[in-house]
Amino acid sequence: MRNSYSLTFKRQVIQRVLETRDANKVARENGINTFMIYRWLKEYRKGKYQEFSI
C-alpha cells in the first residue's frame, strides 16, 4: 500500500532536514524512508514545493 503525504508535511520534513542536515535522523523521527526524503529534497530544489503568493 502506498502512503500519501500532504504538501505541508513534505515542507516540514524538508525544512527539518535543511536545519539539521541529517536526513537519516529526520526519516527515523517521522517513520519514513530516507530515500523518500532525498527525492523530496531533489524536487524541492527544482521548485516543486515552493509557496506561491498572489
Protein backbone atom coordinates (compact mmCIF):
# COMPACT_ATOMS: atom_id res chain seq x y z
CA MET A 1 0.00 0.00 0.00
CA ARG A 2 1.31 3.40 -0.96
CA ASN A 3 1.37 6.29 1.50
CA SER A 4 0.30 9.76 0.53
CA TYR A 5 1.88 12.71 2.31
CA SER A 6 0.48 16.23 2.43
CA LEU A 7 2.36 19.16 0.97
CA THR A 8 2.55 20.66 4.46
CA PHE A 9 4.16 17.50 5.85
CA LYS A 10 6.69 17.39 3.00
CA ARG A 11 7.63 21.03 3.59
CA GLN A 12 8.06 20.40 7.33
CA VAL A 13 10.30 17.39 6.69
CA ILE A 14 12.37 19.29 4.11
CA GLN A 15 12.76 22.25 6.47
CA ARG A 16 13.88 19.95 9.29
CA VAL A 17 16.45 18.26 7.06
CA LEU A 18 17.80 21.61 5.90
CA GLU A 19 18.11 22.73 9.54
CA THR A 20 19.69 19.56 10.91
CA ARG A 21 21.49 18.33 7.79
CA ASP A 22 20.63 14.79 8.92
CA ALA A 23 18.11 13.10 6.63
CA ASN A 24 18.53 9.75 8.40
CA LYS A 25 17.53 11.19 11.76
CA VAL A 26 14.56 13.06 10.31
CA ALA A 27 13.44 9.91 8.49
CA ARG A 28 13.54 7.89 11.71
CA GLU A 29 11.68 10.61 13.62
CA ASN A 30 8.90 10.62 11.04
CA GLY A 31 8.78 6.92 10.21
CA ILE A 32 9.58 7.39 6.54
CA ASN A 33 12.27 6.08 4.22
CA THR A 34 15.43 8.19 3.82
CA PHE A 35 15.28 7.83 0.05
CA MET A 36 11.82 9.45 0.08
CA ILE A 37 13.35 12.47 1.81
CA TYR A 38 16.13 12.67 -0.77
CA ARG A 39 13.50 12.57 -3.52
CA TRP A 40 11.55 15.38 -1.86
CA LEU A 41 14.75 17.42 -1.46
CA LYS A 42 15.55 16.98 -5.16
CA GLU A 43 12.03 18.07 -6.09
CA TYR A 44 12.23 20.99 -3.63
CA ARG A 45 15.44 22.23 -5.21
CA LYS A 46 13.69 22.16 -8.59
CA GLY A 47 10.95 24.38 -7.13
CA LYS A 48 8.16 21.84 -6.73
CA TYR A 49 7.23 22.66 -3.13
CA GLN A 50 7.57 26.43 -3.23
CA GLU A 51 4.66 28.51 -2.00
CA PHE A 52 3.02 30.84 -4.44
CA SER A 53 1.86 34.28 -3.44
CA ILE A 54 -0.79 36.21 -5.35
